[in-house]
Amino acid sequence: MFPRLIDVKGLTNYRLALKYDDGTQGIADVSHLAHKGIFQQWDEDGLFNNAYIDKESNAVAWNEGLDLCPDSLYLKLVGLSFEDWKKKEHYATN
């Protein structure tokens, strides 16, 4: 099971400061999404800086239709693919 996201803050240049309940914390650069598709909303009235944790999904959210998966962001922080993380978790529990 993935750690739970417990804190998020939108930073400049489309970066997110993230903290998880296992102690993992760091900065995730999501600038590759900026100005594309639904993420164009980030440019409206400084929306990006208003990131919050959705109470139901635990996703990083900006509004009801704009969010990012906290598990994908966790993998980005720790530098693992899902497959590598799954192997690591399997060995940790056996």
PDB file of N, CA and C in Angstrom:
ATOM      1  N   MET A   1       0.840  -1.185   0.000  1.00  0.00           N
ATOM      2  CA  MET A   1       0.000   0.000   0.000  1.00  0.00           C
ATOM      3  C   MET A   1       0.884   1.247   0.000  1.00  0.00           C
ATOM      4  N   PHE A   2       0.461   2.230  -0.769  1.00  0.00           N
ATOM      5  CA  PHE A   2       1.233   3.465  -0.852  1.00  0.00           C
ATOM      6  C   PHE A   2       1.074   4.298   0.418  1.00  0.00           C
ATOM      7  N   PRO A   3       2.106   5.055   0.774  1.00  0.00           N
ATOM      8  CA  PRO A   3       1.977   6.002   1.888  1.00  0.00           C
ATOM      9  C   PRO A   3       0.907   7.045   1.566  1.00  0.00           C
ATOM     10  N   ARG A   4       0.360   7.636   2.606  1.00  0.00           N
ATOM     11  CA  ARG A   4      -0.698   8.640   2.449  1.00  0.00           C
ATOM     12  C   ARG A   4      -0.082  10.035   2.381  1.00  0.00           C
ATOM     13  N   LEU A   5      -0.546  10.820   1.423  1.00  0.00           N
ATOM     14  CA  LEU A   5      -0.119  12.210   1.298  1.00  0.00           C
ATOM     15  C   LEU A   5      -0.697  13.007   2.462  1.00  0.00           C
ATOM     16  N   ILE A   6       0.160  13.749   3.168  1.00  0.00           N
ATOM     17  CA  ILE A   6      -0.327  14.507   4.326  1.00  0.00           C
ATOM     18  C   ILE A   6      -0.150  16.019   4.186  1.00  0.00           C
ATOM     19  N   ASP A   7       0.637  16.455   3.192  1.00  0.00           N
ATOM     20  CA  ASP A   7       0.803  17.899   3.006  1.00  0.00           C
ATOM     21  C   ASP A   7       1.215  18.188   1.566  1.00  0.00           C
ATOM     22  N   VAL A   8       0.690  19.267   1.026  1.00  0.00           N
ATOM     23  CA  VAL A   8       1.046  19.710  -0.327  1.00  0.00           C
ATOM     24  C   VAL A   8       1.055  21.230  -0.366  1.00  0.00           C
ATOM     25  N   LYS A   9       1.986  21.761  -1.140  1.00  0.00           N
ATOM     26  CA  LYS A   9       2.041  23.205  -1.341  1.00  0.00           C
ATOM     27  C   LYS A   9       2.485  23.463  -2.771  1.00  0.00           C
ATOM     28  N   GLY A  10       1.731  24.311  -3.482  1.00  0.00           N
ATOM     29  CA  GLY A  10       2.115  24.710  -4.826  1.00  0.00           C
ATOM     30  C   GLY A  10       3.241  25.727  -4.769  1.00  0.00           C
ATOM     31  N   LEU A  11       4.292  25.485  -5.535  1.00  0.00           N
ATOM     32  CA  LEU A  11       5.452  26.365  -5.582  1.00  0.00           C
ATOM     33  C   LEU A  11       5.563  27.009  -6.966  1.00  0.00           C
ATOM     34  N   THR A  12       6.542  27.859  -7.144  1.00  0.00           N
ATOM     35  CA  THR A  12       6.759  28.487  -8.442  1.00  0.00           C
ATOM     36  C   THR A  12       7.205  27.461  -9.476  1.00  0.00           C
ATOM     37  N   ASN A  13       7.056  27.834 -10.728  1.00  0.00           N
ATOM     38  CA  ASN A  13       7.503  27.007 -11.856  1.00  0.00           C
ATOM     39  C   ASN A  13       6.860  25.622 -11.883  1.00  0.00           C
ATOM     40  N   TYR A  14       5.621  25.543 -11.440  1.00  0.00           N
ATOM     41  CA  TYR A  14       4.836  24.302 -11.490  1.00  0.00           C
ATOM     42  C   TYR A  14       5.540  23.147 -10.766  1.00  0.00           C
ATOM     43  N   ARG A  15       5.919  23.429  -9.529  1.00  0.00           N
ATOM     44  CA  ARG A  15       6.497  22.407  -8.659  1.00  0.00           C
ATOM     45  C   ARG A  15       5.599  22.266  -7.436  1.00  0.00           C
ATOM     46  N   LEU A  16       5.587  21.063  -6.878  1.00  0.00           N
ATOM     47  CA  LEU A  16       4.785  20.774  -5.689  1.00  0.00           C
ATOM     48  C   LEU A  16       5.685  20.290  -4.562  1.00  0.00           C
ATOM     49  N   ALA A  17       5.537  20.895  -3.390  1.00  0.00           N
ATOM     50  CA  ALA A  17       6.203  20.395  -2.190  1.00  0.00           C
ATOM     51  C   ALA A  17       5.254  19.370  -1.579  1.00  0.00           C
ATOM     52  N   LEU A  18       5.732  18.141  -1.429  1.00  0.00           N
ATOM     53  CA  LEU A  18       4.893  17.036  -0.968  1.00  0.00           C
ATOM     54  C   LEU A  18       5.479  16.388   0.278  1.00  0.00           C
ATOM     55  N   LYS A  19       4.592  15.920   1.153  1.00  0.00           N
ATOM     56  CA  LYS A  19       5.017  15.188   2.344  1.00  0.00           C
ATOM     57  C   LYS A  19       4.065  14.020   2.547  1.00  0.00           C
ATOM     58  N   TYR A  20       4.634  12.843   2.798  1.00  0.00           N
ATOM     59  CA  TYR A  20       3.859  11.617   2.982  1.00  0.00           C
ATOM     60  C   TYR A  20       4.023  11.092   4.406  1.00  0.00           C
ATOM     61  N   ASP A  21       3.074  10.254   4.819  1.00  0.00           N
ATOM     62  CA  ASP A  21       3.069   9.782   6.203  1.00  0.00           C
ATOM     63  C   ASP A  21       4.173   8.777   6.535  1.00  0.00           C
ATOM     64  N   ASP A  22       4.964   8.360   5.549  1.00  0.00           N
ATOM     65  CA  ASP A  22       6.110   7.493   5.841  1.00  0.00           C
ATOM     66  C   ASP A  22       7.394   8.305   6.000  1.00  0.00           C
ATOM     67  N   GLY A  23       7.268   9.636   5.991  1.00  0.00           N
ATOM     68  CA  GLY A  23       8.422  10.517   6.139  1.00  0.00           C
ATOM     69  C   GLY A  23       9.012  10.996   4.825  1.00  0.00           C
ATOM     70  N   THR A  24       8.582  10.421   3.719  1.00  0.00           N
ATOM     71  CA  THR A  24       9.069  10.856   2.413  1.00  0.00           C
ATOM     72  C   THR A  24       8.560  12.261   2.134  1.00  0.00           C
ATOM     73  N   GLN A  25       9.467  13.123   1.711  1.00  0.00           N
ATOM     74  CA  GLN A  25       9.075  14.467   1.322  1.00  0.00           C
ATOM     75  C   GLN A  25      10.023  14.971   0.248  1.00  0.00           C
ATOM     76  N   GLY A  26       9.546  15.907  -0.531  1.00  0.00           N
ATOM     77  CA  GLY A  26      10.377  16.456  -1.590  1.00  0.00           C
ATOM     78  C   GLY A  26       9.575  17.324  -2.526  1.00  0.00           C
ATOM     79  N   ILE A  27      10.239  17.710  -3.602  1.00  0.00           N
ATOM     80  CA  ILE A  27       9.652  18.594  -4.596  1.00  0.00           C
ATOM     81  C   ILE A  27       9.428  17.805  -5.883  1.00  0.00           C
ATOM     82  N   ALA A  28       8.196  17.819  -6.376  1.00  0.00           N
ATOM     83  CA  ALA A  28       7.869  17.166  -7.648  1.00  0.00           C
ATOM     84  C   ALA A  28       7.651  18.245  -8.703  1.00  0.00           C
ATOM     85  N   ASP A  29       8.386  18.142  -9.792  1.00  0.00           N
ATOM     86  CA  ASP A  29       8.248  19.071 -10.908  1.00  0.00           C
ATOM     87  C   ASP A  29       7.184  18.526 -11.855  1.00  0.00           C
ATOM     88  N   VAL A  30       6.090  19.249 -11.991  1.00  0.00           N
ATOM     89  CA  VAL A  30       5.018  18.831 -12.899  1.00  0.00           C
ATOM     90  C   VAL A  30       4.861  19.838 -14.046  1.00  0.00           C
ATOM     91  N   SER A  31       5.928  20.569 -14.316  1.00  0.00           N
ATOM     92  CA  SER A  31       5.880  21.606 -15.354  1.00  0.00           C
ATOM     93  C   SER A  31       5.631  21.034 -16.746  1.00  0.00           C
ATOM     94  N   HIS A  32       5.925  19.760 -16.947  1.00  0.00           N
ATOM     95  CA  HIS A  32       5.667  19.137 -18.251  1.00  0.00           C
ATOM     96  C   HIS A  32       4.174  19.086 -18.583  1.00  0.00           C
ATOM     97  N   LEU A  33       3.322  19.273 -17.575  1.00  0.00           N
ATOM     98  CA  LEU A  33       1.872  19.272 -17.790  1.00  0.00           C
ATOM     99  C   LEU A  33       1.314  20.677 -18.033  1.00  0.00           C
ATOM    100  N   ALA A  34       2.052  21.687 -17.613  1.00  0.00           N
ATOM    101  CA  ALA A  34       1.576  23.073 -17.690  1.00  0.00           C
ATOM    102  C   ALA A  34       1.280  23.481 -19.131  1.00  0.00           C
ATOM    103  N   HIS A  35       0.247  24.279 -19.276  1.00  0.00           N
ATOM    104  CA  HIS A  35      -0.166  24.855 -20.561  1.00  0.00           C
ATOM    105  C   HIS A  35      -0.722  23.810 -21.534  1.00  0.00           C
ATOM    106  N   LYS A  36      -1.037  22.623 -21.051  1.00  0.00           N
ATOM    107  CA  LYS A  36      -1.551  21.557 -21.917  1.00  0.00           C
ATOM    108  C   LYS A  36      -2.923  21.102 -21.427  1.00  0.00           C
ATOM    109  N   GLY A  37      -3.847  20.968 -22.344  1.00  0.00           N
ATOM    110  CA  GLY A  37      -5.161  20.413 -22.027  1.00  0.00           C
ATOM    111  C   GLY A  37      -5.788  21.036 -20.801  1.00  0.00           C
ATOM    112  N   ILE A  38      -6.295  20.181 -19.935  1.00  0.00           N
ATOM    113  CA  ILE A  38      -6.990  20.637 -18.728  1.00  0.00           C
ATOM    114  C   ILE A  38      -6.076  21.423 -17.789  1.00  0.00           C
ATOM    115  N   PHE A  39      -4.768  21.178 -17.886  1.00  0.00           N
ATOM    116  CA  PHE A  39      -3.829  21.844 -16.984  1.00  0.00           C
ATOM    117  C   PHE A  39      -3.597  23.312 -17.334  1.00  0.00           C
ATOM    118  N   GLN A  40      -4.175  23.778 -18.430  1.00  0.00           N
ATOM    119  CA  GLN A  40      -4.131  25.208 -18.741  1.00  0.00           C
ATOM    120  C   GLN A  40      -4.819  26.013 -17.643  1.00  0.00           C
ATOM    121  N   GLN A  41      -5.696  25.365 -16.888  1.00  0.00           N
ATOM    122  CA  GLN A  41      -6.389  26.037 -15.781  1.00  0.00           C
ATOM    123  C   GLN A  41      -5.414  26.535 -14.719  1.00  0.00           C
ATOM    124  N   TRP A  42      -4.254  25.895 -14.597  1.00  0.00           N
ATOM    125  CA  TRP A  42      -3.274  26.325 -13.595  1.00  0.00           C
ATOM    126  C   TRP A  42      -2.895  27.789 -13.749  1.00  0.00           C
ATOM    127  N   ASP A  43      -3.002  28.310 -14.961  1.00  0.00           N
ATOM    128  CA  ASP A  43      -2.602  29.692 -15.231  1.00  0.00           C
ATOM    129  C   ASP A  43      -3.660  30.712 -14.821  1.00  0.00           C
ATOM    130  N   GLU A  44      -4.857  30.260 -14.535  1.00  0.00           N
ATOM    131  CA  GLU A  44      -5.953  31.169 -14.198  1.00  0.00           C
ATOM    132  C   GLU A  44      -5.856  31.620 -12.745  1.00  0.00           C
ATOM    133  N   ASP A  45      -5.684  32.915 -12.554  1.00  0.00           N
ATOM    134  CA  ASP A  45      -5.693  33.523 -11.218  1.00  0.00           C
ATOM    135  C   ASP A  45      -4.805  32.797 -10.211  1.00  0.00           C
ATOM    136  N   GLY A  46      -3.657  32.328 -10.633  1.00  0.00           N
ATOM    137  CA  GLY A  46      -2.730  31.677  -9.713  1.00  0.00           C
ATOM    138  C   GLY A  46      -3.250  30.383  -9.132  1.00  0.00           C
ATOM    139  N   LEU A  47      -4.104  29.680  -9.860  1.00  0.00           N
ATOM    140  CA  LEU A  47      -4.725  28.451  -9.355  1.00  0.00           C
ATOM    141  C   LEU A  47      -3.698  27.426  -8.879  1.00  0.00           C
ATOM    142  N   PHE A  48      -2.577  27.305  -9.580  1.00  0.00           N
ATOM    143  CA  PHE A  48      -1.607  26.272  -9.222  1.00  0.00           C
ATOM    144  C   PHE A  48      -1.184  26.364  -7.757  1.00  0.00           C
ATOM    145  N   ASN A  49      -1.002  27.565  -7.268  1.00  0.00           N
ATOM    146  CA  ASN A  49      -0.550  27.754  -5.883  1.00  0.00           C
ATOM    147  C   ASN A  49      -1.606  27.389  -4.854  1.00  0.00           C
ATOM    148  N   ASN A  50      -2.834  27.124  -5.292  1.00  0.00           N
ATOM    149  CA  ASN A  50      -3.919  26.768  -4.376  1.00  0.00           C
ATOM    150  C   ASN A  50      -4.151  25.260  -4.296  1.00  0.00           C
ATOM    151  N   ALA A  51      -3.118  24.484  -4.531  1.00  0.00           N
ATOM    152  CA  ALA A  51      -3.239  23.023  -4.447  1.00  0.00           C
ATOM    153  C   ALA A  51      -3.644  22.609  -3.033  1.00  0.00           C
ATOM    154  N   TYR A  52      -4.452  21.562  -2.958  1.00  0.00           N
ATOM    155  CA  TYR A  52      -4.874  21.015  -1.669  1.00  0.00           C
ATOM    156  C   TYR A  52      -5.034  19.502  -1.803  1.00  0.00           C
ATOM    157  N   ILE A  53      -5.191  18.820  -0.685  1.00  0.00           N
ATOM    158  CA  ILE A  53      -5.404  17.371  -0.688  1.00  0.00           C
ATOM    159  C   ILE A  53      -6.902  17.110  -0.645  1.00  0.00           C
ATOM    160  N   ASP A  54      -7.401  16.420  -1.664  1.00  0.00           N
ATOM    161  CA  ASP A  54      -8.816  16.057  -1.700  1.00  0.00           C
ATOM    162  C   ASP A  54      -9.093  15.049  -0.585  1.00  0.00           C
ATOM    163  N   LYS A  55     -10.090  15.326   0.243  1.00  0.00           N
ATOM    164  CA  LYS A  55     -10.381  14.479   1.406  1.00  0.00           C
ATOM    165  C   LYS A  55     -10.857  13.082   1.035  1.00  0.00           C
ATOM    166  N   GLU A  56     -11.538  12.936  -0.094  1.00  0.00           N
ATOM    167  CA  GLU A  56     -12.054  11.622  -0.488  1.00  0.00           C
ATOM    168  C   GLU A  56     -11.018  10.770  -1.205  1.00  0.00           C
ATOM    169  N   SER A  57     -10.293  11.359  -2.135  1.00  0.00           N
ATOM    170  CA  SER A  57      -9.371  10.579  -2.968  1.00  0.00           C
ATOM    171  C   SER A  57      -7.918  10.672  -2.531  1.00  0.00           C
ATOM    172  N   ASN A  58      -7.593  11.623  -1.669  1.00  0.00           N
ATOM    173  CA  ASN A  58      -6.232  11.914  -1.231  1.00  0.00           C
ATOM    174  C   ASN A  58      -5.364  12.446  -2.378  1.00  0.00           C
ATOM    175  N   ALA A  59      -5.992  12.827  -3.483  1.00  0.00           N
ATOM    176  CA  ALA A  59      -5.261  13.366  -4.631  1.00  0.00           C
ATOM    177  C   ALA A  59      -4.862  14.814  -4.378  1.00  0.00           C
ATOM    178  N   VAL A  60      -3.820  15.252  -5.071  1.00  0.00           N
ATOM    179  CA  VAL A  60      -3.497  16.674  -5.101  1.00  0.00           C
ATOM    180  C   VAL A  60      -4.520  17.302  -6.042  1.00  0.00           C
ATOM    181  N   ALA A  61      -5.268  18.267  -5.545  1.00  0.00           N
ATOM    182  CA  ALA A  61      -6.373  18.823  -6.327  1.00  0.00           C
ATOM    183  C   ALA A  61      -6.307  20.344  -6.368  1.00  0.00           C
ATOM    184  N   TRP A  62      -6.990  20.869  -7.379  1.00  0.00           N
ATOM    185  CA  TRP A  62      -7.134  22.315  -7.528  1.00  0.00           C
ATOM    186  C   TRP A  62      -8.607  22.690  -7.607  1.00  0.00           C
ATOM    187  N   ASN A  63      -9.409  21.781  -8.089  1.00  0.00           N
ATOM    188  CA  ASN A  63     -10.862  21.922  -8.117  1.00  0.00           C
ATOM    189  C   ASN A  63     -11.433  20.525  -8.361  1.00  0.00           C
ATOM    190  N   GLU A  64     -12.736  20.420  -8.511  1.00  0.00           N
ATOM    191  CA  GLU A  64     -13.358  19.094  -8.643  1.00  0.00           C
ATOM    192  C   GLU A  64     -12.933  18.335  -9.888  1.00  0.00           C
ATOM    193  N   GLY A  65     -12.483  19.027 -10.913  1.00  0.00           N
ATOM    194  CA  GLY A  65     -12.125  18.351 -12.154  1.00  0.00           C
ATOM    195  C   GLY A  65     -10.640  18.302 -12.455  1.00  0.00           C
ATOM    196  N   LEU A  66      -9.824  18.801 -11.550  1.00  0.00           N
ATOM    197  CA  LEU A  66      -8.391  18.905 -11.821  1.00  0.00           C
ATOM    198  C   LEU A  66      -7.599  18.371 -10.638  1.00  0.00           C
ATOM    199  N   ASP A  67      -7.008  17.195 -10.820  1.00  0.00           N
ATOM    200  CA  ASP A  67      -6.217  16.610  -9.742  1.00  0.00           C
ATOM    201  C   ASP A  67      -5.112  15.720 -10.300  1.00  0.00           C
ATOM    202  N   LEU A  68      -4.183  15.351  -9.423  1.00  0.00           N
ATOM    203  CA  LEU A  68      -3.090  14.444  -9.769  1.00  0.00           C
ATOM    204  C   LEU A  68      -3.044  13.313  -8.748  1.00  0.00           C
ATOM    205  N   CYS A  69      -2.703  12.137  -9.218  1.00  0.00           N
ATOM    206  CA  CYS A  69      -2.638  10.948  -8.380  1.00  0.00           C
ATOM    207  C   CYS A  69      -1.488  11.054  -7.372  1.00  0.00           C
ATOM    208  N   PRO A  70      -1.774  10.916  -6.081  1.00  0.00           N
ATOM    209  CA  PRO A  70      -0.710  11.011  -5.082  1.00  0.00           C
ATOM    210  C   PRO A  70       0.284   9.850  -5.167  1.00  0.00           C
ATOM    211  N   ASP A  71      -0.156   8.695  -5.651  1.00  0.00           N
ATOM    212  CA  ASP A  71       0.742   7.546  -5.773  1.00  0.00           C
ATOM    213  C   ASP A  71       1.769   7.775  -6.878  1.00  0.00           C
ATOM    214  N   SER A  72       1.329   8.327  -7.995  1.00  0.00           N
ATOM    215  CA  SER A  72       2.257   8.639  -9.092  1.00  0.00           C
ATOM    216  C   SER A  72       3.275   9.687  -8.655  1.00  0.00           C
ATOM    217  N   LEU A  73       2.817  10.670  -7.900  1.00  0.00           N
ATOM    218  CA  LEU A  73       3.736  11.694  -7.398  1.00  0.00           C
ATOM    219  C   LEU A  73       4.731  11.095  -6.410  1.00  0.00           C
ATOM    220  N   TYR A  74       4.279  10.157  -5.595  1.00  0.00           N
ATOM    221  CA  TYR A  74       5.179   9.474  -4.658  1.00  0.00           C
ATOM    222  C   TYR A  74       6.278   8.735  -5.419  1.00  0.00           C
ATOM    223  N   LEU A  75       5.888   7.992  -6.441  1.00  0.00           N
ATOM    224  CA  LEU A  75       6.868   7.254  -7.239  1.00  0.00           C
ATOM    225  C   LEU A  75       7.867   8.206  -7.891  1.00  0.00           C
ATOM    226  N   LYS A  76       7.388   9.354  -8.320  1.00  0.00           N
ATOM    227  CA  LYS A  76       8.271  10.362  -8.917  1.00  0.00           C
ATOM    228  C   LYS A  76       9.293  10.838  -7.883  1.00  0.00           C
ATOM    229  N   LEU A  77       8.845  11.064  -6.651  1.00  0.00           N
ATOM    230  CA  LEU A  77       9.751  11.526  -5.595  1.00  0.00           C
ATOM    231  C   LEU A  77      10.825  10.502  -5.265  1.00  0.00           C
ATOM    232  N   VAL A  78      10.442   9.241  -5.179  1.00  0.00           N
ATOM    233  CA  VAL A  78      11.401   8.202  -4.774  1.00  0.00           C
ATOM    234  C   VAL A  78      12.159   7.608  -5.958  1.00  0.00           C
ATOM    235  N   GLY A  79      11.805   8.018  -7.173  1.00  0.00           N
ATOM    236  CA  GLY A  79      12.528   7.575  -8.352  1.00  0.00           C
ATOM    237  C   GLY A  79      12.328   6.119  -8.712  1.00  0.00           C
ATOM    238  N   LEU A  80      11.119   5.611  -8.495  1.00  0.00           N
ATOM    239  CA  LEU A  80      10.815   4.217  -8.813  1.00  0.00           C
ATOM    240  C   LEU A  80       9.687   4.128  -9.833  1.00  0.00           C
ATOM    241  N   SER A  81       9.740   3.101 -10.665  1.00  0.00           N
ATOM    242  CA  SER A  81       8.590   2.780 -11.510  1.00  0.00           C
ATOM    243  C   SER A  81       7.601   2.022 -10.635  1.00  0.00           C
ATOM    244  N   PHE A  82       6.370   1.876 -11.100  1.00  0.00           N
ATOM    245  CA  PHE A  82       5.391   1.114 -10.331  1.00  0.00           C
ATOM    246  C   PHE A  82       5.861  -0.319 -10.152  1.00  0.00           C
ATOM    247  N   GLU A  83       6.427  -0.903 -11.209  1.00  0.00           N
ATOM    248  CA  GLU A  83       6.888  -2.290 -11.154  1.00  0.00           C
ATOM    249  C   GLU A  83       7.991  -2.460 -10.112  1.00  0.00           C
ATOM    250  N   ASP A  84       8.947  -1.527 -10.080  1.00  0.00           N
ATOM    251  CA  ASP A  84      10.028  -1.603  -9.091  1.00  0.00           C
ATOM    252  C   ASP A  84       9.493  -1.421  -7.676  1.00  0.00           C
ATOM    253  N   TRP A  85       8.549  -0.501  -7.501  1.00  0.00           N
ATOM    254  CA  TRP A  85       7.958  -0.286  -6.176  1.00  0.00           C
ATOM    255  C   TRP A  85       7.230  -1.547  -5.715  1.00  0.00           C
ATOM    256  N   LYS A  86       6.490  -2.177  -6.629  1.00  0.00           N
ATOM    257  CA  LYS A  86       5.730  -3.385  -6.300  1.00  0.00           C
ATOM    258  C   LYS A  86       6.677  -4.497  -5.841  1.00  0.00           C
ATOM    259  N   LYS A  87       7.790  -4.671  -6.536  1.00  0.00           N
ATOM    260  CA  LYS A  87       8.781  -5.679  -6.131  1.00  0.00           C
ATOM    261  C   LYS A  87       9.328  -5.364  -4.748  1.00  0.00           C
ATOM    262  N   LYS A  88       9.656  -4.107  -4.525  1.00  0.00           N
ATOM    263  CA  LYS A  88      10.191  -3.682  -3.226  1.00  0.00           C
ATOM    264  C   LYS A  88       9.181  -3.964  -2.113  1.00  0.00           C
ATOM    265  N   GLU A  89       7.919  -3.637  -2.340  1.00  0.00           N
ATOM    266  CA  GLU A  89       6.872  -3.883  -1.347  1.00  0.00           C
ATOM    267  C   GLU A  89       6.676  -5.371  -1.109  1.00  0.00           C
ATOM    268  N   HIS A  90       6.745  -6.163  -2.160  1.00  0.00           N
ATOM    269  CA  HIS A  90       6.573  -7.613  -2.031  1.00  0.00           C
ATOM    270  C   HIS A  90       7.663  -8.194  -1.134  1.00  0.00           C
ATOM    271  N   TYR A  91       8.905  -7.795  -1.376  1.00  0.00           N
ATOM    272  CA  TYR A  91      10.017  -8.325  -0.581  1.00  0.00           C
ATOM    273  C   TYR A  91       9.971  -7.811   0.852  1.00  0.00           C
ATOM    274  N   ALA A  92       9.452  -6.613   1.054  1.00  0.00           N
ATOM    275  CA  ALA A  92       9.374  -6.042   2.399  1.00  0.00           C
ATOM    276  C   ALA A  92       8.332  -6.752   3.252  1.00  0.00           C
ATOM    277  N   THR A  93       7.341  -7.366   2.618  1.00  0.00           N
ATOM    278  CA  THR A  93       6.270  -8.017   3.381  1.00  0.00           C
ATOM    279  C   THR A  93       6.446  -9.521   3.481  1.00  0.00           C
ATOM    280  N   ASN A  94       7.457 -10.063   2.838  1.00  0.00           N
ATOM    281  CA  ASN A  94       7.698 -11.517   2.891  1.00  0.00           C
ATOM    282  C   ASN A  94       8.976 -11.845   3.609  1.00  0.00           C
TER     283      ASN A  94
END
